[in-house]
């Protein structure tokens, strides 16, 4: 398993729209892209423009097949609302969340 941490900058006035688009996008990816296992979103309480989304994938190969040129078509609407600052891949070692 891997986790991909996406860092975003989203203007406060655009956050609600970004959240809505992200929700539809992540659910569509989870339902239609092989190896996609879902995602969650975090937002900084100190800097409301700082948003992190963390996606879970069954393998690096699955994510790379989706990621392609680093601009997956599924994420176009999100990139119109927020600036994707980075995308970093991590191996999942343990997960004790419930």
PDB file of N, CA and C in Angstrom:
ATOM      1  N   UNK A   1       0.837  -1.184   0.000  1.00  0.00           N
ATOM      2  CA  UNK A   1       0.000   0.000   0.000  1.00  0.00           C
ATOM      3  C   UNK A   1       0.878   1.242   0.000  1.00  0.00           C
ATOM      4  N   UNK A   2       0.356   2.273  -0.634  1.00  0.00           N
ATOM      5  CA  UNK A   2       1.018   3.574  -0.569  1.00  0.00           C
ATOM      6  C   UNK A   2      -0.016   4.629  -0.211  1.00  0.00           C
ATOM      7  N   UNK A   3       0.485   5.733   0.277  1.00  0.00           N
ATOM      8  CA  UNK A   3      -0.333   6.923   0.509  1.00  0.00           C
ATOM      9  C   UNK A   3       0.294   8.044  -0.301  1.00  0.00           C
ATOM     10  N   UNK A   4      -0.544   8.834  -0.927  1.00  0.00           N
ATOM     11  CA  UNK A   4      -0.069   9.989  -1.677  1.00  0.00           C
ATOM     12  C   UNK A   4      -0.616  11.234  -0.985  1.00  0.00           C
ATOM     13  N   UNK A   5       0.284  12.103  -0.558  1.00  0.00           N
ATOM     14  CA  UNK A   5      -0.091  13.328   0.140  1.00  0.00           C
ATOM     15  C   UNK A   5      -0.037  14.469  -0.862  1.00  0.00           C
ATOM     16  N   UNK A   6      -1.203  15.048  -1.127  1.00  0.00           N
ATOM     17  CA  UNK A   6      -1.317  16.193  -2.021  1.00  0.00           C
ATOM     18  C   UNK A   6      -1.465  17.443  -1.155  1.00  0.00           C
ATOM     19  N   UNK A   7      -0.633  18.425  -1.395  1.00  0.00           N
ATOM     20  CA  UNK A   7      -0.746  19.707  -0.686  1.00  0.00           C
ATOM     21  C   UNK A   7      -1.365  20.711  -1.641  1.00  0.00           C
ATOM     22  N   UNK A   8      -2.338  21.465  -1.114  1.00  0.00           N
ATOM     23  CA  UNK A   8      -3.087  22.430  -1.913  1.00  0.00           C
ATOM     24  C   UNK A   8      -3.102  23.791  -1.236  1.00  0.00           C
ATOM     25  N   UNK A   9      -3.206  24.828  -2.029  1.00  0.00           N
ATOM     26  CA  UNK A   9      -3.528  26.170  -1.547  1.00  0.00           C
ATOM     27  C   UNK A   9      -4.886  26.515  -2.135  1.00  0.00           C
ATOM     28  N   UNK A  10      -5.838  26.792  -1.260  1.00  0.00           N
ATOM     29  CA  UNK A  10      -7.205  27.075  -1.681  1.00  0.00           C
ATOM     30  C   UNK A  10      -7.672  28.330  -0.960  1.00  0.00           C
ATOM     31  N   UNK A  11      -8.055  29.341  -1.715  1.00  0.00           N
ATOM     32  CA  UNK A  11      -8.572  30.567  -1.093  1.00  0.00           C
ATOM     33  C   UNK A  11      -9.781  30.220  -0.225  1.00  0.00           C
ATOM     34  N   UNK A  12      -9.888  30.888   0.922  1.00  0.00           N
ATOM     35  CA  UNK A  12     -10.987  30.603   1.852  1.00  0.00           C
ATOM     36  C   UNK A  12     -12.342  30.675   1.179  1.00  0.00           C
ATOM     37  N   UNK A  13     -12.526  31.667   0.327  1.00  0.00           N
ATOM     38  CA  UNK A  13     -13.830  31.839  -0.328  1.00  0.00           C
ATOM     39  C   UNK A  13     -14.126  30.715  -1.334  1.00  0.00           C
ATOM     40  N   UNK A  14     -13.112  29.946  -1.709  1.00  0.00           N
ATOM     41  CA  UNK A  14     -13.303  28.838  -2.652  1.00  0.00           C
ATOM     42  C   UNK A  14     -13.338  27.475  -1.972  1.00  0.00           C
ATOM     43  N   UNK A  15     -13.147  27.446  -0.648  1.00  0.00           N
ATOM     44  CA  UNK A  15     -13.000  26.161   0.024  1.00  0.00           C
ATOM     45  C   UNK A  15     -14.241  25.276  -0.103  1.00  0.00           C
ATOM     46  N   UNK A  16     -15.419  25.809   0.113  1.00  0.00           N
ATOM     47  CA  UNK A  16     -16.635  24.996   0.054  1.00  0.00           C
ATOM     48  C   UNK A  16     -16.798  24.359  -1.320  1.00  0.00           C
ATOM     49  N   UNK A  17     -16.540  25.122  -2.352  1.00  0.00           N
ATOM     50  CA  UNK A  17     -16.622  24.580  -3.715  1.00  0.00           C
ATOM     51  C   UNK A  17     -15.531  23.531  -3.931  1.00  0.00           C
ATOM     52  N   UNK A  18     -14.322  23.815  -3.471  1.00  0.00           N
ATOM     53  CA  UNK A  18     -13.223  22.864  -3.601  1.00  0.00           C
ATOM     54  C   UNK A  18     -13.578  21.551  -2.897  1.00  0.00           C
ATOM     55  N   UNK A  19     -14.112  21.649  -1.698  1.00  0.00           N
ATOM     56  CA  UNK A  19     -14.483  20.464  -0.933  1.00  0.00           C
ATOM     57  C   UNK A  19     -15.527  19.638  -1.689  1.00  0.00           C
ATOM     58  N   UNK A  20     -16.505  20.297  -2.278  1.00  0.00           N
ATOM     59  CA  UNK A  20     -17.542  19.607  -3.037  1.00  0.00           C
ATOM     60  C   UNK A  20     -16.956  18.900  -4.254  1.00  0.00           C
ATOM     61  N   UNK A  21     -16.119  19.614  -5.003  1.00  0.00           N
ATOM     62  CA  UNK A  21     -15.501  19.028  -6.195  1.00  0.00           C
ATOM     63  C   UNK A  21     -14.567  17.888  -5.796  1.00  0.00           C
ATOM     64  N   UNK A  22     -13.779  18.078  -4.740  1.00  0.00           N
ATOM     65  CA  UNK A  22     -12.883  17.022  -4.268  1.00  0.00           C
ATOM     66  C   UNK A  22     -13.681  15.777  -3.890  1.00  0.00           C
ATOM     67  N   UNK A  23     -14.779  15.955  -3.183  1.00  0.00           N
ATOM     68  CA  UNK A  23     -15.595  14.825  -2.752  1.00  0.00           C
ATOM     69  C   UNK A  23     -16.088  14.016  -3.952  1.00  0.00           C
ATOM     70  N   UNK A  24     -16.641  14.688  -4.943  1.00  0.00           N
ATOM     71  CA  UNK A  24     -17.113  13.993  -6.141  1.00  0.00           C
ATOM     72  C   UNK A  24     -15.953  13.338  -6.883  1.00  0.00           C
ATOM     73  N   UNK A  25     -14.834  14.060  -6.978  1.00  0.00           N
ATOM     74  CA  UNK A  25     -13.670  13.555  -7.708  1.00  0.00           C
ATOM     75  C   UNK A  25     -13.089  12.326  -7.038  1.00  0.00           C
ATOM     76  N   UNK A  26     -12.852  12.395  -5.734  1.00  0.00           N
ATOM     77  CA  UNK A  26     -12.218  11.262  -5.049  1.00  0.00           C
ATOM     78  C   UNK A  26     -13.119  10.036  -5.064  1.00  0.00           C
ATOM     79  N   UNK A  27     -14.421  10.245  -4.952  1.00  0.00           N
ATOM     80  CA  UNK A  27     -15.333   9.098  -4.998  1.00  0.00           C
ATOM     81  C   UNK A  27     -15.378   8.482  -6.394  1.00  0.00           C
ATOM     82  N   UNK A  28     -15.347   9.314  -7.420  1.00  0.00           N
ATOM     83  CA  UNK A  28     -15.329   8.805  -8.792  1.00  0.00           C
ATOM     84  C   UNK A  28     -14.045   8.011  -9.055  1.00  0.00           C
ATOM     85  N   UNK A  29     -12.909   8.549  -8.616  1.00  0.00           N
ATOM     86  CA  UNK A  29     -11.635   7.851  -8.790  1.00  0.00           C
ATOM     87  C   UNK A  29     -11.687   6.511  -8.065  1.00  0.00           C
ATOM     88  N   UNK A  30     -12.170   6.516  -6.834  1.00  0.00           N
ATOM     89  CA  UNK A  30     -12.248   5.290  -6.039  1.00  0.00           C
ATOM     90  C   UNK A  30     -13.124   4.243  -6.724  1.00  0.00           C
ATOM     91  N   UNK A  31     -14.200   4.681  -7.350  1.00  0.00           N
ATOM     92  CA  UNK A  31     -15.146   3.758  -7.985  1.00  0.00           C
ATOM     93  C   UNK A  31     -14.687   3.282  -9.357  1.00  0.00           C
ATOM     94  N   UNK A  32     -13.850   4.058 -10.046  1.00  0.00           N
ATOM     95  CA  UNK A  32     -13.566   3.747 -11.450  1.00  0.00           C
ATOM     96  C   UNK A  32     -12.108   3.457 -11.786  1.00  0.00           C
ATOM     97  N   UNK A  33     -11.182   3.802 -10.919  1.00  0.00           N
ATOM     98  CA  UNK A  33      -9.763   3.630 -11.231  1.00  0.00           C
ATOM     99  C   UNK A  33      -9.211   2.425 -10.463  1.00  0.00           C
ATOM    100  N   UNK A  34      -8.706   1.422 -11.180  1.00  0.00           N
ATOM    101  CA  UNK A  34      -8.160   0.246 -10.502  1.00  0.00           C
ATOM    102  C   UNK A  34      -7.039   0.612  -9.527  1.00  0.00           C
ATOM    103  N   UNK A  35      -7.138   0.076  -8.316  1.00  0.00           N
ATOM    104  CA  UNK A  35      -6.111   0.301  -7.307  1.00  0.00           C
ATOM    105  C   UNK A  35      -6.355   1.480  -6.386  1.00  0.00           C
ATOM    106  N   UNK A  36      -7.304   2.357  -6.718  1.00  0.00           N
ATOM    107  CA  UNK A  36      -7.611   3.517  -5.874  1.00  0.00           C
ATOM    108  C   UNK A  36      -8.465   3.059  -4.694  1.00  0.00           C
ATOM    109  N   UNK A  37      -8.041   3.409  -3.486  1.00  0.00           N
ATOM    110  CA  UNK A  37      -8.709   2.918  -2.280  1.00  0.00           C
ATOM    111  C   UNK A  37      -9.341   4.018  -1.439  1.00  0.00           C
ATOM    112  N   UNK A  38      -9.482   5.213  -1.992  1.00  0.00           N
ATOM    113  CA  UNK A  38     -10.131   6.291  -1.263  1.00  0.00           C
ATOM    114  C   UNK A  38      -9.153   7.339  -0.777  1.00  0.00           C
ATOM    115  N   UNK A  39      -9.707   8.365  -0.141  1.00  0.00           N
ATOM    116  CA  UNK A  39      -8.914   9.520   0.249  1.00  0.00           C
ATOM    117  C   UNK A  39      -9.581  10.239   1.408  1.00  0.00           C
ATOM    118  N   UNK A  40      -8.804  11.051   2.124  1.00  0.00           N
ATOM    119  CA  UNK A  40      -9.383  11.938   3.124  1.00  0.00           C
ATOM    120  C   UNK A  40      -8.750  13.318   2.989  1.00  0.00           C
ATOM    121  N   UNK A  41      -9.427  14.315   3.565  1.00  0.00           N
ATOM    122  CA  UNK A  41      -8.998  15.710   3.454  1.00  0.00           C
ATOM    123  C   UNK A  41      -8.739  16.288   4.841  1.00  0.00           C
ATOM    124  N   UNK A  42      -7.681  17.099   4.934  1.00  0.00           N
ATOM    125  CA  UNK A  42      -7.339  17.830   6.153  1.00  0.00           C
ATOM    126  C   UNK A  42      -7.214  19.306   5.806  1.00  0.00           C
ATOM    127  N   UNK A  43      -7.524  20.156   6.773  1.00  0.00           N
ATOM    128  CA  UNK A  43      -7.392  21.610   6.579  1.00  0.00           C
ATOM    129  C   UNK A  43      -6.778  22.209   7.832  1.00  0.00           C
ATOM    130  N   UNK A  44      -5.790  23.072   7.639  1.00  0.00           N
ATOM    131  CA  UNK A  44      -5.113  23.699   8.763  1.00  0.00           C
ATOM    132  C   UNK A  44      -6.053  24.664   9.490  1.00  0.00           C
ATOM    133  N   UNK A  45      -6.121  24.585  10.823  1.00  0.00           N
ATOM    134  CA  UNK A  45      -6.940  25.555  11.556  1.00  0.00           C
ATOM    135  C   UNK A  45      -6.276  26.934  11.635  1.00  0.00           C
ATOM    136  N   UNK A  46      -4.960  26.979  11.466  1.00  0.00           N
ATOM    137  CA  UNK A  46      -4.239  28.259  11.528  1.00  0.00           C
ATOM    138  C   UNK A  46      -4.217  28.971  10.181  1.00  0.00           C
ATOM    139  N   UNK A  47      -4.070  28.217   9.120  1.00  0.00           N
ATOM    140  CA  UNK A  47      -4.011  28.783   7.775  1.00  0.00           C
ATOM    141  C   UNK A  47      -5.082  28.090   6.943  1.00  0.00           C
ATOM    142  N   UNK A  48      -6.246  28.692   6.869  1.00  0.00           N
ATOM    143  CA  UNK A  48      -7.404  28.080   6.212  1.00  0.00           C
ATOM    144  C   UNK A  48      -7.185  27.830   4.723  1.00  0.00           C
ATOM    145  N   UNK A  49      -6.113  28.378   4.149  1.00  0.00           N
ATOM    146  CA  UNK A  49      -5.841  28.144   2.730  1.00  0.00           C
ATOM    147  C   UNK A  49      -5.013  26.874   2.515  1.00  0.00           C
ATOM    148  N   UNK A  50      -4.505  26.285   3.599  1.00  0.00           N
ATOM    149  CA  UNK A  50      -3.680  25.084   3.498  1.00  0.00           C
ATOM    150  C   UNK A  50      -4.556  23.840   3.630  1.00  0.00           C
ATOM    151  N   UNK A  51      -4.612  23.070   2.548  1.00  0.00           N
ATOM    152  CA  UNK A  51      -5.431  21.863   2.500  1.00  0.00           C
ATOM    153  C   UNK A  51      -4.539  20.695   2.087  1.00  0.00           C
ATOM    154  N   UNK A  52      -4.736  19.569   2.758  1.00  0.00           N
ATOM    155  CA  UNK A  52      -4.002  18.355   2.424  1.00  0.00           C
ATOM    156  C   UNK A  52      -5.024  17.263   2.141  1.00  0.00           C
ATOM    157  N   UNK A  53      -4.813  16.553   1.035  1.00  0.00           N
ATOM    158  CA  UNK A  53      -5.617  15.373   0.769  1.00  0.00           C
ATOM    159  C   UNK A  53      -4.663  14.185   0.724  1.00  0.00           C
ATOM    160  N   UNK A  54      -5.108  13.080   1.303  1.00  0.00           N
ATOM    161  CA  UNK A  54      -4.259  11.890   1.391  1.00  0.00           C
ATOM    162  C   UNK A  54      -5.016  10.725   0.755  1.00  0.00           C
ATOM    163  N   UNK A  55      -4.456  10.219  -0.338  1.00  0.00           N
ATOM    164  CA  UNK A  55      -5.081   9.116  -1.067  1.00  0.00           C
ATOM    165  C   UNK A  55      -4.368   7.811  -0.752  1.00  0.00           C
ATOM    166  N   UNK A  56      -5.131   6.735  -0.705  1.00  0.00           N
ATOM    167  CA  UNK A  56      -4.575   5.406  -0.468  1.00  0.00           C
ATOM    168  C   UNK A  56      -4.692   4.605  -1.767  1.00  0.00           C
ATOM    169  N   UNK A  57      -3.581   3.969  -2.128  1.00  0.00           N
ATOM    170  CA  UNK A  57      -3.522   3.156  -3.351  1.00  0.00           C
ATOM    171  C   UNK A  57      -2.983   1.782  -2.994  1.00  0.00           C
ATOM    172  N   UNK A  58      -3.411   0.775  -3.752  1.00  0.00           N
ATOM    173  CA  UNK A  58      -2.948  -0.577  -3.447  1.00  0.00           C
ATOM    174  C   UNK A  58      -1.499  -0.807  -3.874  1.00  0.00           C
ATOM    175  N   UNK A  59      -0.989   0.006  -4.816  1.00  0.00           N
ATOM    176  CA  UNK A  59       0.402  -0.158  -5.241  1.00  0.00           C
ATOM    177  C   UNK A  59       0.898   1.104  -5.943  1.00  0.00           C
ATOM    178  N   UNK A  60       2.209   1.228  -6.016  1.00  0.00           N
ATOM    179  CA  UNK A  60       2.826   2.332  -6.751  1.00  0.00           C
ATOM    180  C   UNK A  60       2.461   2.245  -8.229  1.00  0.00           C
ATOM    181  N   UNK A  61       2.419   1.038  -8.766  1.00  0.00           N
ATOM    182  CA  UNK A  61       2.075   0.868 -10.183  1.00  0.00           C
ATOM    183  C   UNK A  61       0.672   1.384 -10.487  1.00  0.00           C
ATOM    184  N   UNK A  62      -0.287   1.106  -9.607  1.00  0.00           N
ATOM    185  CA  UNK A  62      -1.660   1.595  -9.813  1.00  0.00           C
ATOM    186  C   UNK A  62      -1.699   3.119  -9.816  1.00  0.00           C
ATOM    187  N   UNK A  63      -1.009   3.715  -8.839  1.00  0.00           N
ATOM    188  CA  UNK A  63      -1.001   5.177  -8.778  1.00  0.00           C
ATOM    189  C   UNK A  63      -0.306   5.772  -9.992  1.00  0.00           C
ATOM    190  N   UNK A  64       0.829   5.208 -10.396  1.00  0.00           N
ATOM    191  CA  UNK A  64       1.550   5.718 -11.569  1.00  0.00           C
ATOM    192  C   UNK A  64       0.698   5.620 -12.828  1.00  0.00           C
ATOM    193  N   UNK A  65      -0.061   4.543 -12.979  1.00  0.00           N
ATOM    194  CA  UNK A  65      -0.947   4.405 -14.142  1.00  0.00           C
ATOM    195  C   UNK A  65      -1.985   5.529 -14.147  1.00  0.00           C
ATOM    196  N   UNK A  66      -2.485   5.900 -12.968  1.00  0.00           N
ATOM    197  CA  UNK A  66      -3.439   7.009 -12.852  1.00  0.00           C
ATOM    198  C   UNK A  66      -2.746   8.348 -13.048  1.00  0.00           C
ATOM    199  N   UNK A  67      -1.612   8.536 -12.409  1.00  0.00           N
ATOM    200  CA  UNK A  67      -0.913   9.822 -12.370  1.00  0.00           C
ATOM    201  C   UNK A  67      -0.418  10.247 -13.744  1.00  0.00           C
ATOM    202  N   UNK A  68       0.097   9.308 -14.510  1.00  0.00           N
ATOM    203  CA  UNK A  68       0.529   9.585 -15.877  1.00  0.00           C
ATOM    204  C   UNK A  68       1.416  10.800 -15.999  1.00  0.00           C
ATOM    205  N   UNK A  69       0.906  11.848 -16.616  1.00  0.00           N
ATOM    206  CA  UNK A  69       1.689  13.058 -16.882  1.00  0.00           C
ATOM    207  C   UNK A  69       1.608  14.059 -15.734  1.00  0.00           C
ATOM    208  N   UNK A  70       1.178  13.636 -14.584  1.00  0.00           N
ATOM    209  CA  UNK A  70       1.017  14.476 -13.387  1.00  0.00           C
ATOM    210  C   UNK A  70      -0.181  15.407 -13.468  1.00  0.00           C
ATOM    211  N   UNK A  71      -0.989  15.260 -14.493  1.00  0.00           N
ATOM    212  CA  UNK A  71      -2.196  16.070 -14.612  1.00  0.00           C
ATOM    213  C   UNK A  71      -3.384  15.199 -14.996  1.00  0.00           C
ATOM    214  N   UNK A  72      -3.770  14.272 -14.106  1.00  0.00           N
ATOM    215  CA  UNK A  72      -4.895  13.397 -14.432  1.00  0.00           C
ATOM    216  C   UNK A  72      -6.150  14.203 -14.761  1.00  0.00           C
ATOM    217  N   UNK A  73      -6.838  13.783 -15.799  1.00  0.00           N
ATOM    218  CA  UNK A  73      -8.039  14.509 -16.225  1.00  0.00           C
ATOM    219  C   UNK A  73      -9.086  14.563 -15.125  1.00  0.00           C
ATOM    220  N   UNK A  74      -9.114  13.540 -14.254  1.00  0.00           N
ATOM    221  CA  UNK A  74     -10.094  13.521 -13.163  1.00  0.00           C
ATOM    222  C   UNK A  74      -9.906  14.687 -12.195  1.00  0.00           C
ATOM    223  N   UNK A  75      -8.704  15.270 -12.161  1.00  0.00           N
ATOM    224  CA  UNK A  75      -8.412  16.323 -11.187  1.00  0.00           C
ATOM    225  C   UNK A  75      -8.449  17.733 -11.777  1.00  0.00           C
ATOM    226  N   UNK A  76      -8.882  17.853 -13.018  1.00  0.00           N
ATOM    227  CA  UNK A  76      -8.897  19.160 -13.700  1.00  0.00           C
ATOM    228  C   UNK A  76      -9.730  20.180 -12.926  1.00  0.00           C
ATOM    229  N   UNK A  77     -10.918  19.812 -12.510  1.00  0.00           N
ATOM    230  CA  UNK A  77     -11.802  20.765 -11.824  1.00  0.00           C
ATOM    231  C   UNK A  77     -11.204  21.227 -10.500  1.00  0.00           C
ATOM    232  N   UNK A  78     -10.551  20.329  -9.793  1.00  0.00           N
ATOM    233  CA  UNK A  78      -9.911  20.713  -8.534  1.00  0.00           C
ATOM    234  C   UNK A  78      -8.811  21.729  -8.791  1.00  0.00           C
ATOM    235  N   UNK A  79      -8.039  21.512  -9.845  1.00  0.00           N
ATOM    236  CA  UNK A  79      -6.927  22.417 -10.148  1.00  0.00           C
ATOM    237  C   UNK A  79      -7.420  23.785 -10.632  1.00  0.00           C
ATOM    238  N   UNK A  80      -8.653  23.878 -11.071  1.00  0.00           N
ATOM    239  CA  UNK A  80      -9.221  25.178 -11.449  1.00  0.00           C
ATOM    240  C   UNK A  80      -9.554  26.013 -10.207  1.00  0.00           C
ATOM    241  N   UNK A  81      -9.808  25.349  -9.091  1.00  0.00           N
ATOM    242  CA  UNK A  81     -10.228  26.030  -7.863  1.00  0.00           C
ATOM    243  C   UNK A  81      -9.066  26.247  -6.915  1.00  0.00           C
ATOM    244  N   UNK A  82      -8.179  25.257  -6.817  1.00  0.00           N
ATOM    245  CA  UNK A  82      -7.051  25.343  -5.893  1.00  0.00           C
ATOM    246  C   UNK A  82      -5.743  25.065  -6.611  1.00  0.00           C
ATOM    247  N   UNK A  83      -4.668  25.523  -6.011  1.00  0.00           N
ATOM    248  CA  UNK A  83      -3.332  25.287  -6.564  1.00  0.00           C
ATOM    249  C   UNK A  83      -2.742  24.044  -5.901  1.00  0.00           C
ATOM    250  N   UNK A  84      -2.430  23.039  -6.701  1.00  0.00           N
ATOM    251  CA  UNK A  84      -1.764  21.863  -6.157  1.00  0.00           C
ATOM    252  C   UNK A  84      -0.286  22.208  -5.981  1.00  0.00           C
ATOM    253  N   UNK A  85       0.166  22.222  -4.744  1.00  0.00           N
ATOM    254  CA  UNK A  85       1.526  22.617  -4.413  1.00  0.00           C
ATOM    255  C   UNK A  85       2.487  21.448  -4.598  1.00  0.00           C
ATOM    256  N   UNK A  86       2.062  20.246  -4.201  1.00  0.00           N
ATOM    257  CA  UNK A  86       2.933  19.083  -4.326  1.00  0.00           C
ATOM    258  C   UNK A  86       2.114  17.809  -4.239  1.00  0.00           C
ATOM    259  N   UNK A  87       2.737  16.733  -4.668  1.00  0.00           N
ATOM    260  CA  UNK A  87       2.198  15.380  -4.512  1.00  0.00           C
ATOM    261  C   UNK A  87       3.380  14.489  -4.153  1.00  0.00           C
ATOM    262  N   UNK A  88       3.332  13.892  -2.964  1.00  0.00           N
ATOM    263  CA  UNK A  88       4.442  13.095  -2.463  1.00  0.00           C
ATOM    264  C   UNK A  88       3.935  11.706  -2.099  1.00  0.00           C
ATOM    265  N   UNK A  89       4.656  10.688  -2.537  1.00  0.00           N
ATOM    266  CA  UNK A  89       4.274   9.304  -2.282  1.00  0.00           C
ATOM    267  C   UNK A  89       5.034   8.772  -1.072  1.00  0.00           C
ATOM    268  N   UNK A  90       4.306   8.036  -0.218  1.00  0.00           N
ATOM    269  CA  UNK A  90       4.885   7.382   0.949  1.00  0.00           C
ATOM    270  C   UNK A  90       4.445   5.926   0.973  1.00  0.00           C
ATOM    271  N   UNK A  91       5.356   5.036   1.331  1.00  0.00           N
ATOM    272  CA  UNK A  91       4.975   3.651   1.591  1.00  0.00           C
ATOM    273  C   UNK A  91       4.214   3.607   2.902  1.00  0.00           C
ATOM    274  N   UNK A  92       3.106   2.880   2.913  1.00  0.00           N
ATOM    275  CA  UNK A  92       2.369   2.700   4.157  1.00  0.00           C
ATOM    276  C   UNK A  92       3.005   1.547   4.917  1.00  0.00           C
ATOM    277  N   UNK A  93       3.499   1.831   6.098  1.00  0.00           N
ATOM    278  CA  UNK A  93       4.168   0.816   6.913  1.00  0.00           C
ATOM    279  C   UNK A  93       3.171   0.175   7.869  1.00  0.00           C
ATOM    280  N   UNK A  94       2.459   0.973   8.630  1.00  0.00           N
ATOM    281  CA  UNK A  94       1.423   0.504   9.552  1.00  0.00           C
ATOM    282  C   UNK A  94       0.290   1.498   9.556  1.00  0.00           C
ATOM    283  N   UNK A  95      -0.909   1.036   9.853  1.00  0.00           N
ATOM    284  CA  UNK A  95      -2.064   1.918   9.983  1.00  0.00           C
ATOM    285  C   UNK A  95      -2.932   1.367  11.095  1.00  0.00           C
ATOM    286  N   UNK A  96      -2.966   2.068  12.215  1.00  0.00           N
ATOM    287  CA  UNK A  96      -3.763   1.633  13.340  1.00  0.00           C
ATOM    288  C   UNK A  96      -5.010   2.505  13.525  1.00  0.00           C
ATOM    289  N   UNK A  97      -5.383   3.246  12.478  1.00  0.00           N
ATOM    290  CA  UNK A  97      -6.616   4.032  12.561  1.00  0.00           C
ATOM    291  C   UNK A  97      -7.811   3.084  12.457  1.00  0.00           C
ATOM    292  N   UNK A  98      -8.920   3.547  12.948  1.00  0.00           N
ATOM    293  CA  UNK A  98     -10.145   2.725  12.899  1.00  0.00           C
ATOM    294  C   UNK A  98     -11.223   3.448  12.158  1.00  0.00           C
TER     295      UNK A  98
END
